[in-house]
Amino acid sequence: LTTIHSLTNSQTIIDAPHKDLRRARACGSSLIPTSTGSATAIIEIFPELKGRLDGHAVRVPLTNASLTDCVFEVE
């Protein structure tokens, strides 16, 4: 599960110190991989997916955008 999100007010405008080096990057000029709560929320709804679903997010330098990409492997 990949989610694409616009920049947020918790991101820095310029490169700055942060304990997570990816989140230290300037939001207006970087694609920033980060964590997502979407996978956790889906597992709460569908507990049978626990251990079988993972996800990550990418912050993009746009003011208003969102996208979710899901890939499923079925037998």
Protein backbone atom coordinates (compact mmCIF):
# COMPACT_ATOMS: atom_id res chain seq x y z
CA LEU A 1 0.00 0.00 0.00
CA THR A 2 1.50 3.31 -1.05
CA THR A 3 -0.10 6.64 -0.21
CA ILE A 4 0.89 9.92 -1.83
CA HIS A 5 0.20 13.05 0.22
CA SER A 6 0.64 16.78 -0.21
CA LEU A 7 3.08 18.61 2.00
CA THR A 8 1.88 19.29 5.55
CA ASN A 9 2.40 22.00 8.14
CA SER A 10 4.59 19.64 10.18
CA GLN A 11 7.23 19.60 7.41
CA THR A 12 10.04 22.13 7.25
CA ILE A 13 10.27 24.73 4.48
CA ILE A 14 14.06 24.39 4.35
CA ASP A 15 16.38 21.46 5.13
CA ALA A 16 16.66 21.38 8.93
CA PRO A 17 17.69 19.03 11.74
CA HIS A 18 15.26 16.19 12.55
CA LYS A 19 15.73 12.80 14.20
CA ASP A 20 14.33 11.18 11.02
CA LEU A 21 16.67 12.35 8.26
CA ARG A 22 13.98 11.92 5.59
CA ARG A 23 11.71 14.33 7.45
CA ALA A 24 14.55 16.84 7.69
CA ARG A 25 14.31 17.60 3.96
CA ALA A 26 12.68 20.77 2.59
CA CYS A 27 9.05 20.05 1.73
CA GLY A 28 8.84 22.30 -1.33
CA SER A 29 11.59 20.61 -3.32
CA SER A 30 11.72 16.97 -2.23
CA LEU A 31 9.77 13.73 -2.55
CA ILE A 32 9.93 12.43 1.01
CA PRO A 33 9.27 8.75 1.86
CA THR A 34 7.69 8.35 5.28
CA SER A 35 5.32 6.19 7.33
CA THR A 36 1.56 5.92 6.90
CA GLY A 37 -1.29 5.09 9.24
CA SER A 38 -3.42 3.74 6.40
CA ALA A 39 -2.17 0.16 6.69
CA THR A 40 -2.87 0.18 10.43
CA ALA A 41 -6.39 1.51 9.86
CA ILE A 42 -7.13 -1.16 7.24
CA ILE A 43 -5.92 -3.91 9.61
CA GLU A 44 -8.31 -2.60 12.28
CA ILE A 45 -11.18 -3.05 9.80
CA PHE A 46 -9.90 -6.35 8.33
CA PRO A 47 -7.94 -8.12 11.11
CA GLU A 48 -7.34 -11.17 8.88
CA LEU A 49 -4.81 -9.02 6.95
CA LYS A 50 -2.52 -8.63 9.97
CA GLY A 51 1.01 -9.64 8.95
CA ARG A 52 0.01 -9.65 5.29
CA LEU A 53 -0.31 -5.91 4.63
CA ASP A 54 2.33 -3.21 4.78
CA GLY A 55 2.39 0.38 3.66
CA HIS A 56 4.39 3.55 3.27
CA ALA A 57 3.74 7.15 2.28
CA VAL A 58 5.42 9.70 0.06
CA ARG A 59 5.09 13.43 0.71
CA VAL A 60 5.14 15.43 -2.53
CA PRO A 61 5.67 19.19 -3.09
CA LEU A 62 2.06 19.96 -4.02
CA THR A 63 -0.49 21.99 -2.09
CA ASN A 64 -3.48 19.71 -2.59
CA ALA A 65 -3.12 16.11 -3.77
CA SER A 66 -3.73 12.59 -2.57
CA LEU A 67 -3.38 9.13 -4.11
CA THR A 68 -3.50 5.57 -2.81
CA ASP A 69 -1.95 2.70 -4.75
CA CYS A 70 -2.81 -0.85 -3.69
CA VAL A 71 -1.20 -4.00 -5.07
CA PHE A 72 -2.77 -7.37 -4.27
CA GLU A 73 -1.37 -10.86 -4.79
CA VAL A 74 -4.07 -13.51 -4.98
CA GLU A 75 -3.93 -17.24 -5.48
